[in-house]
Amino acid sequence: MNDAELEIYRQTLLALRTTLLAVEETAHDATRIVELDQAAIGRLSRMDAMQAQQMAQETERRRHLQLQKIEGALRRIEADEFGFCYVCGNEIDARRLQADPTITRCLKCAQ
């Protein structure tokens, strides 16, 4: 993989990281603690709020996992290890990396 291709992947990863961090800041209120005071909100409304909170927390967990994958891919680019399978060391197919630049395994090792 040449330097121009690596730079394209790096820019893609940086843009994805920026987007995820921006979403994280706007979604922070959705994970706040649900009030248990039934006088303020009804029981069904509170149940809906608790369900929405759980969904927001799961989304946040997935976002953090994706951010970790992005940081790992950026570190691999800096260490000249990007695009190579973590398990066998073979080159990962470019189409696979285009679909998800955070991939760490070739198709054979991923199965």
N, C-alpha and C. Protein backbone atom coordinates (compact mmCIF):
# COMPACT_ATOMS: atom_id res chain seq x y z
N MET A 1 0.85 -1.17 0.00
CA MET A 1 0.00 0.00 0.00
C MET A 1 0.90 1.24 0.00
N ASN A 2 0.58 2.17 -0.87
CA ASN A 2 1.44 3.35 -0.99
C ASN A 2 1.00 4.46 -0.01
N ASP A 3 1.82 5.49 0.07
CA ASP A 3 1.56 6.58 1.02
C ASP A 3 0.27 7.32 0.73
N ALA A 4 -0.08 7.48 -0.53
CA ALA A 4 -1.32 8.19 -0.88
C ALA A 4 -2.55 7.42 -0.39
N GLU A 5 -2.52 6.10 -0.55
CA GLU A 5 -3.63 5.27 -0.07
C GLU A 5 -3.74 5.32 1.45
N LEU A 6 -2.60 5.25 2.11
CA LEU A 6 -2.59 5.34 3.58
C LEU A 6 -3.16 6.68 4.05
N GLU A 7 -2.82 7.74 3.35
CA GLU A 7 -3.32 9.07 3.72
C GLU A 7 -4.83 9.14 3.54
N ILE A 8 -5.35 8.52 2.50
CA ILE A 8 -6.80 8.50 2.30
C ILE A 8 -7.48 7.77 3.46
N TYR A 9 -6.93 6.62 3.86
CA TYR A 9 -7.49 5.88 4.99
C TYR A 9 -7.39 6.70 6.27
N ARG A 10 -6.25 7.35 6.46
CA ARG A 10 -6.07 8.18 7.66
C ARG A 10 -7.09 9.30 7.71
N GLN A 11 -7.31 9.99 6.60
CA GLN A 11 -8.28 11.08 6.55
C GLN A 11 -9.71 10.55 6.79
N THR A 12 -10.00 9.39 6.23
CA THR A 12 -11.32 8.78 6.44
C THR A 12 -11.53 8.47 7.92
N LEU A 13 -10.53 7.89 8.55
CA LEU A 13 -10.62 7.54 9.96
C LEU A 13 -10.75 8.79 10.84
N LEU A 14 -9.99 9.81 10.52
CA LEU A 14 -10.06 11.06 11.29
C LEU A 14 -11.45 11.70 11.16
N ALA A 15 -12.01 11.68 9.97
CA ALA A 15 -13.35 12.25 9.76
C ALA A 15 -14.40 11.45 10.52
N LEU A 16 -14.27 10.14 10.50
CA LEU A 16 -15.20 9.29 11.24
C LEU A 16 -15.10 9.53 12.74
N ARG A 17 -13.87 9.69 13.22
CA ARG A 17 -13.67 9.97 14.65
C ARG A 17 -14.28 11.31 15.04
N THR A 18 -14.10 12.31 14.21
CA THR A 18 -14.68 13.63 14.48
C THR A 18 -16.20 13.56 14.53
N THR A 19 -16.79 12.84 13.60
CA THR A 19 -18.24 12.68 13.58
C THR A 19 -18.75 11.99 14.83
N LEU A 20 -18.09 10.89 15.22
CA LEU A 20 -18.52 10.15 16.41
C LEU A 20 -18.38 10.98 17.68
N LEU A 21 -17.32 11.77 17.77
CA LEU A 21 -17.14 12.63 18.94
C LEU A 21 -18.20 13.73 19.00
N ALA A 22 -18.58 14.25 17.85
CA ALA A 22 -19.63 15.27 17.81
C ALA A 22 -20.97 14.67 18.22
N VAL A 23 -21.26 13.48 17.77
CA VAL A 23 -22.51 12.80 18.15
C VAL A 23 -22.51 12.51 19.64
N GLU A 24 -21.36 12.13 20.16
CA GLU A 24 -21.24 11.82 21.58
C GLU A 24 -21.59 13.03 22.45
N GLU A 25 -21.16 14.20 22.05
CA GLU A 25 -21.45 15.40 22.83
C GLU A 25 -22.94 15.73 22.82
N THR A 26 -23.59 15.54 21.68
CA THR A 26 -25.01 15.89 21.59
C THR A 26 -25.90 14.83 22.24
N ALA A 27 -25.43 13.60 22.34
CA ALA A 27 -26.25 12.52 22.88
C ALA A 27 -26.07 12.32 24.38
N HIS A 28 -25.26 13.12 25.02
CA HIS A 28 -24.96 12.93 26.43
C HIS A 28 -26.21 13.03 27.32
N ASP A 29 -27.13 13.91 27.01
CA ASP A 29 -28.33 14.09 27.83
C ASP A 29 -29.23 12.86 27.83
N ALA A 30 -29.19 12.06 26.80
CA ALA A 30 -30.08 10.90 26.69
C ALA A 30 -29.73 9.81 27.71
N THR A 31 -28.52 9.83 28.26
CA THR A 31 -28.12 8.80 29.21
C THR A 31 -28.26 9.24 30.67
N ARG A 32 -28.83 10.41 30.88
CA ARG A 32 -28.95 10.89 32.26
C ARG A 32 -29.93 10.01 33.04
N ILE A 33 -29.87 10.08 34.35
CA ILE A 33 -30.70 9.26 35.24
C ILE A 33 -32.17 9.64 35.10
N VAL A 34 -33.01 8.61 35.05
CA VAL A 34 -34.45 8.82 34.93
C VAL A 34 -35.02 9.08 36.32
N GLU A 35 -35.85 10.12 36.43
CA GLU A 35 -36.49 10.46 37.70
C GLU A 35 -37.51 9.41 38.07
N LEU A 36 -37.54 9.03 39.34
CA LEU A 36 -38.48 8.02 39.81
C LEU A 36 -39.72 8.62 40.45
N ASP A 37 -39.85 9.90 40.46
CA ASP A 37 -40.99 10.58 41.06
C ASP A 37 -42.22 10.42 40.17
N GLN A 38 -43.20 9.61 40.64
CA GLN A 38 -44.39 9.38 39.84
C GLN A 38 -45.30 10.60 39.77
N ALA A 39 -45.11 11.53 40.67
CA ALA A 39 -45.92 12.74 40.63
C ALA A 39 -45.50 13.63 39.46
N ALA A 40 -44.20 13.56 39.11
CA ALA A 40 -43.70 14.40 38.01
C ALA A 40 -44.05 13.80 36.65
N ILE A 41 -43.88 12.49 36.52
CA ILE A 41 -44.23 11.82 35.27
C ILE A 41 -44.94 10.52 35.59
N GLY A 42 -45.79 10.07 34.70
CA GLY A 42 -46.53 8.84 34.91
C GLY A 42 -45.65 7.61 34.80
N ARG A 43 -46.19 6.47 35.24
CA ARG A 43 -45.43 5.23 35.25
C ARG A 43 -45.05 4.80 33.83
N LEU A 44 -45.97 4.88 32.90
CA LEU A 44 -45.66 4.49 31.52
C LEU A 44 -44.64 5.43 30.88
N SER A 45 -44.78 6.71 31.17
CA SER A 45 -43.80 7.66 30.65
C SER A 45 -42.42 7.38 31.22
N ARG A 46 -42.39 7.01 32.50
CA ARG A 46 -41.11 6.70 33.15
C ARG A 46 -40.51 5.43 32.53
N MET A 47 -41.36 4.44 32.23
CA MET A 47 -40.88 3.21 31.60
C MET A 47 -40.33 3.50 30.20
N ASP A 48 -41.01 4.36 29.48
CA ASP A 48 -40.51 4.77 28.16
C ASP A 48 -39.18 5.49 28.29
N ALA A 49 -39.07 6.35 29.29
CA ALA A 49 -37.83 7.08 29.51
C ALA A 49 -36.69 6.13 29.88
N MET A 50 -37.00 5.10 30.69
CA MET A 50 -35.98 4.13 31.08
C MET A 50 -35.53 3.30 29.88
N GLN A 51 -36.49 2.94 29.02
CA GLN A 51 -36.13 2.19 27.82
C GLN A 51 -35.26 3.05 26.89
N ALA A 52 -35.63 4.30 26.72
CA ALA A 52 -34.84 5.20 25.89
C ALA A 52 -33.44 5.38 26.47
N GLN A 53 -33.35 5.44 27.80
CA GLN A 53 -32.05 5.57 28.46
C GLN A 53 -31.18 4.34 28.18
N GLN A 54 -31.77 3.15 28.29
CA GLN A 54 -31.01 1.92 28.02
C GLN A 54 -30.52 1.86 26.58
N MET A 55 -31.38 2.27 25.66
CA MET A 55 -30.99 2.28 24.25
C MET A 55 -29.87 3.29 24.02
N ALA A 56 -29.95 4.43 24.67
CA ALA A 56 -28.91 5.45 24.53
C ALA A 56 -27.58 4.96 25.11
N GLN A 57 -27.65 4.24 26.23
CA GLN A 57 -26.43 3.72 26.83
C GLN A 57 -25.78 2.67 25.94
N GLU A 58 -26.59 1.82 25.31
CA GLU A 58 -26.04 0.82 24.40
C GLU A 58 -25.42 1.48 23.18
N THR A 59 -26.07 2.50 22.67
CA THR A 59 -25.52 3.25 21.54
C THR A 59 -24.20 3.89 21.92
N GLU A 60 -24.12 4.42 23.12
CA GLU A 60 -22.88 5.04 23.60
C GLU A 60 -21.77 3.99 23.73
N ARG A 61 -22.12 2.80 24.21
CA ARG A 61 -21.14 1.72 24.34
C ARG A 61 -20.59 1.35 22.97
N ARG A 62 -21.47 1.24 21.98
CA ARG A 62 -21.04 0.90 20.63
C ARG A 62 -20.18 2.01 20.01
N ARG A 63 -20.53 3.25 20.31
CA ARG A 63 -19.76 4.39 19.81
C ARG A 63 -18.35 4.36 20.39
N HIS A 64 -18.23 4.05 21.68
CA HIS A 64 -16.91 3.97 22.32
C HIS A 64 -16.09 2.83 21.71
N LEU A 65 -16.73 1.71 21.43
CA LEU A 65 -16.03 0.59 20.80
C LEU A 65 -15.53 0.99 19.41
N GLN A 66 -16.36 1.69 18.65
CA GLN A 66 -15.95 2.14 17.32
C GLN A 66 -14.79 3.13 17.42
N LEU A 67 -14.84 4.02 18.41
CA LEU A 67 -13.74 4.97 18.60
C LEU A 67 -12.44 4.24 18.94
N GLN A 68 -12.52 3.18 19.73
CA GLN A 68 -11.33 2.40 20.05
C GLN A 68 -10.76 1.74 18.79
N LYS A 69 -11.64 1.23 17.94
CA LYS A 69 -11.19 0.62 16.69
C LYS A 69 -10.52 1.65 15.79
N ILE A 70 -11.08 2.85 15.74
CA ILE A 70 -10.50 3.92 14.93
C ILE A 70 -9.12 4.29 15.44
N GLU A 71 -9.00 4.44 16.76
CA GLU A 71 -7.70 4.78 17.35
C GLU A 71 -6.68 3.69 17.05
N GLY A 72 -7.10 2.43 17.12
CA GLY A 72 -6.19 1.33 16.79
C GLY A 72 -5.74 1.38 15.35
N ALA A 73 -6.66 1.67 14.44
CA ALA A 73 -6.31 1.77 13.02
C ALA A 73 -5.35 2.92 12.78
N LEU A 74 -5.57 4.05 13.44
CA LEU A 74 -4.65 5.19 13.29
C LEU A 74 -3.26 4.85 13.82
N ARG A 75 -3.20 4.10 14.92
CA ARG A 75 -1.90 3.68 15.46
C ARG A 75 -1.20 2.73 14.49
N ARG A 76 -1.98 1.83 13.86
CA ARG A 76 -1.39 0.91 12.89
C ARG A 76 -0.85 1.66 11.67
N ILE A 77 -1.54 2.71 11.27
CA ILE A 77 -1.03 3.52 10.15
C ILE A 77 0.31 4.14 10.52
N GLU A 78 0.38 4.70 11.72
CA GLU A 78 1.63 5.34 12.18
C GLU A 78 2.77 4.33 12.31
N ALA A 79 2.43 3.08 12.67
CA ALA A 79 3.45 2.05 12.87
C ALA A 79 3.73 1.25 11.60
N ASP A 80 3.17 1.67 10.47
CA ASP A 80 3.33 0.97 9.19
C ASP A 80 2.85 -0.48 9.26
N GLU A 81 1.81 -0.73 10.04
CA GLU A 81 1.23 -2.06 10.15
C GLU A 81 -0.19 -2.11 9.60
N PHE A 82 -0.68 -0.99 9.09
CA PHE A 82 -2.05 -0.92 8.59
C PHE A 82 -2.20 -1.74 7.31
N GLY A 83 -3.29 -2.47 7.22
CA GLY A 83 -3.58 -3.24 6.02
C GLY A 83 -3.05 -4.66 6.07
N PHE A 84 -2.48 -5.05 7.20
CA PHE A 84 -1.97 -6.40 7.35
C PHE A 84 -2.73 -7.11 8.46
N CYS A 85 -3.00 -8.39 8.22
CA CYS A 85 -3.78 -9.19 9.16
C CYS A 85 -3.04 -9.33 10.49
N TYR A 86 -3.77 -9.13 11.56
CA TYR A 86 -3.21 -9.23 12.91
C TYR A 86 -2.82 -10.67 13.24
N VAL A 87 -3.52 -11.65 12.65
CA VAL A 87 -3.31 -13.05 12.97
C VAL A 87 -2.20 -13.67 12.11
N CYS A 88 -2.36 -13.60 10.78
CA CYS A 88 -1.41 -14.30 9.89
C CYS A 88 -0.36 -13.39 9.27
N GLY A 89 -0.59 -12.07 9.29
CA GLY A 89 0.38 -11.14 8.73
C GLY A 89 0.23 -10.87 7.25
N ASN A 90 -0.71 -11.56 6.60
CA ASN A 90 -0.94 -11.32 5.17
C ASN A 90 -1.66 -10.00 4.96
N GLU A 91 -1.56 -9.49 3.73
CA GLU A 91 -2.21 -8.22 3.41
C GLU A 91 -3.73 -8.41 3.35
N ILE A 92 -4.46 -7.47 3.93
CA ILE A 92 -5.92 -7.49 3.90
C ILE A 92 -6.37 -6.91 2.56
N ASP A 93 -7.35 -7.55 1.94
CA ASP A 93 -7.86 -7.10 0.65
C ASP A 93 -8.33 -5.65 0.74
N ALA A 94 -8.00 -4.85 -0.27
CA ALA A 94 -8.33 -3.43 -0.28
C ALA A 94 -9.83 -3.19 -0.22
N ARG A 95 -10.62 -4.06 -0.85
CA ARG A 95 -12.08 -3.90 -0.81
C ARG A 95 -12.61 -4.06 0.60
N ARG A 96 -11.99 -4.93 1.36
CA ARG A 96 -12.39 -5.14 2.76
C ARG A 96 -12.06 -3.90 3.59
N LEU A 97 -10.90 -3.32 3.35
CA LEU A 97 -10.51 -2.11 4.08
C LEU A 97 -11.35 -0.91 3.67
N GLN A 98 -11.77 -0.86 2.42
CA GLN A 98 -12.62 0.24 1.98
C GLN A 98 -13.99 0.17 2.67
N ALA A 99 -14.47 -1.05 2.88
CA ALA A 99 -15.76 -1.22 3.55
C ALA A 99 -15.66 -0.83 5.02
N ASP A 100 -14.55 -1.20 5.65
CA ASP A 100 -14.34 -0.86 7.06
C ASP A 100 -12.84 -0.75 7.32
N PRO A 101 -12.32 0.47 7.39
CA PRO A 101 -10.87 0.63 7.57
C PRO A 101 -10.36 0.24 8.96
N THR A 102 -11.25 -0.15 9.85
CA THR A 102 -10.81 -0.57 11.19
C THR A 102 -10.58 -2.08 11.27
N ILE A 103 -10.80 -2.78 10.16
CA ILE A 103 -10.64 -4.24 10.11
C ILE A 103 -9.21 -4.61 10.47
N THR A 104 -9.06 -5.68 11.27
CA THR A 104 -7.72 -6.10 11.68
C THR A 104 -7.36 -7.50 11.17
N ARG A 105 -8.31 -8.16 10.50
CA ARG A 105 -8.05 -9.53 10.05
C ARG A 105 -8.44 -9.71 8.59
N CYS A 106 -7.71 -10.57 7.91
CA CYS A 106 -8.06 -10.91 6.54
C CYS A 106 -9.31 -11.79 6.58
N LEU A 107 -9.88 -12.01 5.42
CA LEU A 107 -11.13 -12.76 5.35
C LEU A 107 -10.95 -14.18 5.87
N LYS A 108 -9.83 -14.80 5.54
CA LYS A 108 -9.57 -16.18 5.98
C LYS A 108 -9.51 -16.28 7.51
N CYS A 109 -8.82 -15.35 8.14
CA CYS A 109 -8.66 -15.40 9.60
C CYS A 109 -9.93 -14.91 10.33
N ALA A 110 -10.74 -14.13 9.65
CA ALA A 110 -11.97 -13.63 10.28
C ALA A 110 -13.04 -14.71 10.38
N GLN A 111 -12.91 -15.75 9.56
CA GLN A 111 -13.92 -16.81 9.57
C GLN A 111 -13.68 -17.76 10.65
